[in-house]
N, C-alpha and C. Protein backbone atom coordinates (compact mmCIF):
# COMPACT_ATOMS: atom_id res chain seq x y z
N MET A 1 23.50 -29.26 -28.70
CA MET A 1 22.92 -29.64 -29.94
C MET A 1 22.72 -31.15 -29.95
N SER A 2 21.47 -31.57 -30.15
CA SER A 2 21.19 -33.00 -30.18
C SER A 2 21.20 -33.52 -31.58
N ILE A 3 21.24 -34.83 -31.67
CA ILE A 3 21.40 -35.56 -32.92
C ILE A 3 19.96 -35.94 -33.38
N ALA A 4 19.59 -35.71 -34.65
CA ALA A 4 18.33 -36.13 -35.15
C ALA A 4 18.44 -37.52 -35.76
N LEU A 5 17.59 -38.39 -35.42
CA LEU A 5 17.53 -39.77 -35.88
C LEU A 5 16.27 -40.01 -36.70
N THR A 6 16.39 -40.88 -37.70
CA THR A 6 15.18 -41.24 -38.50
C THR A 6 14.42 -42.32 -37.64
N PRO A 7 13.16 -42.55 -37.99
CA PRO A 7 12.43 -43.64 -37.26
C PRO A 7 13.15 -45.06 -37.39
N ALA A 8 13.71 -45.25 -38.56
CA ALA A 8 14.43 -46.56 -38.75
C ALA A 8 15.66 -46.68 -37.89
N GLN A 9 16.40 -45.63 -37.80
CA GLN A 9 17.60 -45.53 -36.96
C GLN A 9 17.27 -45.68 -35.49
N ASN A 10 16.19 -45.03 -35.15
CA ASN A 10 15.72 -45.09 -33.68
C ASN A 10 15.32 -46.55 -33.33
N ARG A 11 14.57 -47.18 -34.29
CA ARG A 11 14.20 -48.59 -34.08
C ARG A 11 15.43 -49.51 -33.97
N PHE A 12 16.36 -49.23 -34.80
CA PHE A 12 17.61 -50.05 -34.84
C PHE A 12 18.39 -49.89 -33.46
N LEU A 13 18.49 -48.67 -33.01
CA LEU A 13 19.18 -48.37 -31.75
C LEU A 13 18.42 -48.98 -30.50
N ARG A 14 17.14 -48.96 -30.59
CA ARG A 14 16.34 -49.55 -29.52
C ARG A 14 16.58 -51.10 -29.44
N GLY A 15 16.72 -51.67 -30.52
CA GLY A 15 17.04 -53.10 -30.63
C GLY A 15 18.38 -53.41 -30.10
N GLN A 16 19.40 -52.57 -30.42
CA GLN A 16 20.75 -52.72 -29.89
C GLN A 16 20.84 -52.54 -28.46
N ALA A 17 19.97 -51.58 -27.88
CA ALA A 17 20.07 -51.25 -26.44
C ALA A 17 19.31 -52.24 -25.54
N HIS A 18 18.58 -53.13 -26.16
CA HIS A 18 17.66 -54.01 -25.32
C HIS A 18 18.39 -54.77 -24.28
N ASP A 19 19.49 -55.34 -24.57
CA ASP A 19 20.17 -56.14 -23.57
C ASP A 19 21.23 -55.38 -22.70
N LEU A 20 21.37 -54.06 -22.94
CA LEU A 20 22.32 -53.31 -22.17
C LEU A 20 21.81 -53.12 -20.76
N LYS A 21 22.78 -52.95 -19.81
CA LYS A 21 22.45 -52.61 -18.42
C LYS A 21 22.77 -51.11 -18.30
N ALA A 22 22.08 -50.52 -17.30
CA ALA A 22 22.31 -49.06 -17.05
C ALA A 22 23.74 -48.86 -16.61
N LEU A 23 24.51 -48.01 -17.29
CA LEU A 23 25.97 -47.71 -16.95
C LEU A 23 26.06 -46.58 -16.01
N LEU A 24 25.08 -45.73 -15.92
CA LEU A 24 25.18 -44.49 -15.09
C LEU A 24 23.79 -44.37 -14.37
N GLN A 25 23.88 -43.71 -13.16
CA GLN A 25 22.69 -43.44 -12.40
C GLN A 25 22.78 -42.01 -11.98
N ILE A 26 21.74 -41.23 -12.12
CA ILE A 26 21.70 -39.83 -11.71
C ILE A 26 20.60 -39.78 -10.61
N GLY A 27 20.94 -39.05 -9.50
CA GLY A 27 20.06 -39.06 -8.35
C GLY A 27 19.67 -37.65 -7.90
N GLY A 28 19.55 -37.51 -6.64
CA GLY A 28 19.01 -36.29 -6.05
C GLY A 28 19.86 -35.01 -6.34
N LYS A 29 21.09 -35.14 -6.57
CA LYS A 29 21.92 -33.90 -6.88
C LYS A 29 21.61 -33.34 -8.23
N GLY A 30 21.03 -34.12 -9.09
CA GLY A 30 20.69 -33.61 -10.38
C GLY A 30 21.87 -33.65 -11.39
N VAL A 31 21.78 -32.81 -12.41
CA VAL A 31 22.78 -32.80 -13.40
C VAL A 31 23.88 -31.88 -12.98
N THR A 32 25.04 -32.52 -12.53
CA THR A 32 26.16 -31.77 -12.02
C THR A 32 27.27 -31.81 -13.11
N PRO A 33 28.30 -30.93 -13.08
CA PRO A 33 29.36 -30.92 -13.99
C PRO A 33 30.13 -32.31 -13.99
N ALA A 34 30.26 -32.84 -12.79
CA ALA A 34 30.99 -34.14 -12.70
C ALA A 34 30.18 -35.27 -13.41
N PHE A 35 28.86 -35.20 -13.29
CA PHE A 35 28.02 -36.23 -13.98
C PHE A 35 28.15 -36.04 -15.48
N LEU A 36 28.02 -34.82 -15.87
CA LEU A 36 28.07 -34.54 -17.42
C LEU A 36 29.54 -34.97 -17.92
N ALA A 37 30.53 -34.84 -17.17
CA ALA A 37 31.89 -35.24 -17.61
C ALA A 37 31.90 -36.79 -17.78
N GLU A 38 31.35 -37.42 -16.69
CA GLU A 38 31.34 -38.92 -16.81
C GLU A 38 30.43 -39.42 -17.96
N LEU A 39 29.33 -38.76 -18.18
CA LEU A 39 28.41 -39.09 -19.24
C LEU A 39 29.12 -38.93 -20.62
N ASP A 40 29.86 -37.81 -20.74
CA ASP A 40 30.56 -37.57 -21.96
C ASP A 40 31.60 -38.69 -22.21
N GLU A 41 32.30 -39.07 -21.24
CA GLU A 41 33.30 -40.05 -21.36
C GLU A 41 32.69 -41.45 -21.67
N VAL A 42 31.64 -41.81 -20.98
CA VAL A 42 30.97 -43.10 -21.32
C VAL A 42 30.34 -43.13 -22.64
N LEU A 43 29.79 -41.98 -23.15
CA LEU A 43 29.19 -41.91 -24.49
C LEU A 43 30.32 -42.05 -25.59
N GLU A 44 31.47 -41.45 -25.29
CA GLU A 44 32.52 -41.53 -26.23
C GLU A 44 33.05 -42.96 -26.37
N ARG A 45 33.04 -43.71 -25.25
CA ARG A 45 33.51 -45.06 -25.25
C ARG A 45 32.54 -46.09 -25.77
N HIS A 46 31.16 -45.92 -25.46
CA HIS A 46 30.23 -46.92 -25.77
C HIS A 46 29.21 -46.49 -26.84
N GLU A 47 29.07 -45.19 -27.12
CA GLU A 47 28.09 -44.67 -28.05
C GLU A 47 26.66 -44.76 -27.68
N LEU A 48 26.26 -45.95 -27.23
CA LEU A 48 24.84 -46.18 -26.87
C LEU A 48 24.75 -46.66 -25.38
N ILE A 49 24.05 -45.90 -24.55
CA ILE A 49 24.10 -46.26 -23.20
C ILE A 49 22.73 -46.02 -22.49
N LYS A 50 22.55 -46.75 -21.43
CA LYS A 50 21.32 -46.60 -20.60
C LYS A 50 21.70 -45.86 -19.39
N VAL A 51 20.85 -44.91 -18.98
CA VAL A 51 21.05 -44.11 -17.66
C VAL A 51 19.80 -44.26 -16.92
N LYS A 52 19.99 -44.56 -15.60
CA LYS A 52 18.90 -44.66 -14.64
C LYS A 52 18.72 -43.28 -14.01
N VAL A 53 17.49 -42.69 -14.14
CA VAL A 53 17.23 -41.37 -13.54
C VAL A 53 16.31 -41.61 -12.35
N ALA A 54 16.88 -41.33 -11.16
CA ALA A 54 16.09 -41.50 -9.92
C ALA A 54 15.57 -40.15 -9.44
N ALA A 55 14.48 -39.70 -10.04
CA ALA A 55 13.96 -38.45 -9.61
C ALA A 55 12.56 -38.77 -9.03
N GLU A 56 12.10 -37.77 -8.22
CA GLU A 56 10.85 -37.95 -7.52
C GLU A 56 9.63 -38.20 -8.36
N ASP A 57 9.40 -37.26 -9.34
CA ASP A 57 8.19 -37.32 -10.15
C ASP A 57 8.47 -37.39 -11.60
N ARG A 58 7.47 -37.54 -12.42
CA ARG A 58 7.69 -37.70 -13.83
C ARG A 58 8.21 -36.35 -14.50
N GLU A 59 7.76 -35.24 -14.06
CA GLU A 59 8.15 -33.95 -14.67
C GLU A 59 9.69 -33.79 -14.40
N ALA A 60 10.13 -34.08 -13.21
CA ALA A 60 11.54 -33.93 -12.82
C ALA A 60 12.39 -34.84 -13.70
N ARG A 61 11.93 -36.10 -13.84
CA ARG A 61 12.66 -37.07 -14.77
C ARG A 61 12.73 -36.52 -16.21
N ASP A 62 11.63 -36.06 -16.71
CA ASP A 62 11.61 -35.60 -18.01
C ASP A 62 12.53 -34.39 -18.22
N THR A 63 12.53 -33.47 -17.26
CA THR A 63 13.47 -32.39 -17.29
C THR A 63 14.89 -32.74 -17.30
N MET A 64 15.25 -33.69 -16.42
CA MET A 64 16.64 -34.14 -16.31
C MET A 64 17.01 -34.88 -17.56
N ILE A 65 16.23 -35.67 -18.19
CA ILE A 65 16.53 -36.42 -19.36
C ILE A 65 16.73 -35.53 -20.55
N ALA A 66 15.83 -34.47 -20.69
CA ALA A 66 15.95 -33.54 -21.73
C ALA A 66 17.26 -32.63 -21.57
N GLU A 67 17.62 -32.33 -20.33
CA GLU A 67 18.84 -31.66 -20.08
C GLU A 67 20.13 -32.51 -20.43
N LEU A 68 20.06 -33.75 -20.05
CA LEU A 68 21.19 -34.63 -20.34
C LEU A 68 21.38 -34.76 -21.81
N ALA A 69 20.31 -34.94 -22.59
CA ALA A 69 20.46 -35.03 -24.03
C ALA A 69 21.00 -33.77 -24.64
N THR A 70 20.47 -32.63 -24.23
CA THR A 70 20.94 -31.34 -24.76
C THR A 70 22.37 -31.07 -24.45
N ARG A 71 22.76 -31.20 -23.20
CA ARG A 71 24.08 -30.83 -22.72
C ARG A 71 25.19 -31.81 -23.12
N SER A 72 24.77 -33.05 -23.43
CA SER A 72 25.79 -34.00 -23.86
C SER A 72 25.90 -34.10 -25.41
N GLY A 73 24.88 -33.44 -26.12
CA GLY A 73 24.95 -33.55 -27.54
C GLY A 73 24.53 -34.90 -28.08
N SER A 74 23.73 -35.53 -27.33
CA SER A 74 23.33 -36.89 -27.71
C SER A 74 21.77 -36.89 -28.13
N ALA A 75 21.40 -38.03 -28.66
CA ALA A 75 20.00 -38.27 -29.06
C ALA A 75 19.36 -39.09 -28.01
N LEU A 76 18.13 -38.79 -27.58
CA LEU A 76 17.36 -39.63 -26.72
C LEU A 76 16.69 -40.66 -27.58
N VAL A 77 17.08 -41.88 -27.44
CA VAL A 77 16.54 -42.97 -28.27
C VAL A 77 15.18 -43.46 -27.71
N GLN A 78 15.24 -43.66 -26.35
CA GLN A 78 13.97 -44.19 -25.80
C GLN A 78 13.95 -43.88 -24.32
N ARG A 79 12.78 -43.73 -23.69
CA ARG A 79 12.61 -43.60 -22.27
C ARG A 79 11.50 -44.40 -21.83
N ILE A 80 11.87 -45.28 -20.90
CA ILE A 80 10.86 -46.13 -20.25
C ILE A 80 11.03 -46.06 -18.71
N GLY A 81 10.02 -45.49 -18.09
CA GLY A 81 10.09 -45.31 -16.69
C GLY A 81 11.24 -44.51 -16.18
N HIS A 82 12.15 -45.09 -15.37
CA HIS A 82 13.31 -44.44 -14.92
C HIS A 82 14.59 -44.56 -15.74
N ILE A 83 14.43 -45.34 -16.86
CA ILE A 83 15.60 -45.63 -17.75
C ILE A 83 15.48 -44.81 -19.07
N ALA A 84 16.58 -44.13 -19.39
CA ALA A 84 16.72 -43.40 -20.64
C ALA A 84 17.87 -43.94 -21.42
N ILE A 85 17.66 -44.07 -22.77
CA ILE A 85 18.74 -44.58 -23.64
C ILE A 85 19.20 -43.42 -24.51
N PHE A 86 20.47 -43.18 -24.46
CA PHE A 86 21.15 -42.12 -25.22
C PHE A 86 22.07 -42.63 -26.30
N TYR A 87 22.23 -41.92 -27.42
CA TYR A 87 23.13 -42.38 -28.45
C TYR A 87 23.93 -41.12 -28.89
N ARG A 88 25.20 -41.24 -28.99
CA ARG A 88 26.05 -40.16 -29.64
C ARG A 88 27.18 -41.00 -30.30
N PRO A 89 27.42 -40.66 -31.61
CA PRO A 89 28.54 -41.39 -32.25
C PRO A 89 29.85 -40.90 -31.75
N SER A 90 30.81 -41.86 -31.66
CA SER A 90 32.13 -41.61 -31.04
C SER A 90 32.93 -40.63 -32.05
N LYS A 91 33.69 -39.69 -31.47
CA LYS A 91 34.50 -38.87 -32.35
C LYS A 91 35.76 -39.67 -32.87
N GLU A 92 36.24 -40.57 -32.06
CA GLU A 92 37.47 -41.28 -32.35
C GLU A 92 37.26 -42.56 -33.11
N LYS A 93 36.45 -43.42 -32.56
CA LYS A 93 36.27 -44.74 -33.08
C LYS A 93 34.78 -45.18 -33.04
N ARG A 94 34.14 -45.01 -34.24
CA ARG A 94 32.71 -45.41 -34.30
C ARG A 94 32.64 -46.93 -34.33
N GLN A 95 31.72 -47.39 -33.47
CA GLN A 95 31.44 -48.84 -33.44
C GLN A 95 30.03 -49.19 -33.97
N ILE A 96 29.04 -48.35 -33.87
CA ILE A 96 27.73 -48.58 -34.36
C ILE A 96 27.52 -47.94 -35.70
N VAL A 97 27.11 -48.73 -36.73
CA VAL A 97 26.79 -48.22 -38.00
C VAL A 97 25.22 -48.17 -38.07
N LEU A 98 24.74 -46.97 -38.32
CA LEU A 98 23.34 -46.80 -38.41
C LEU A 98 22.81 -47.11 -39.75
N PRO A 99 21.61 -47.64 -39.89
CA PRO A 99 20.97 -47.82 -41.24
C PRO A 99 20.77 -46.45 -41.89
N ARG A 100 20.73 -46.30 -43.16
CA ARG A 100 20.66 -45.06 -43.87
C ARG A 100 19.21 -44.46 -43.79
N SER A 101 18.19 -45.27 -43.87
CA SER A 101 16.83 -44.62 -43.97
C SER A 101 16.08 -44.81 -42.63
């Protein structure tokens, strides 16, 4: 289950993610249980992360990004080339406060 964001929230998160570096990189092995566990842990800690997707073609990247968002329960904030930005609020300690509208 993915999170639905308003356009204002999406714009706010894109601004927050601008200076972030990619924390995870997914490669040729694709979406593995180990990668999903790591993604879950990093999302819980940081809430907003960049992931570098090193797939051969655009369709493969789009498929991987959609699968990551769905299986991690996060929202895809933005995708530019090989970089995808994901957001999921922390269950324990929320750090990012989203605008209401």
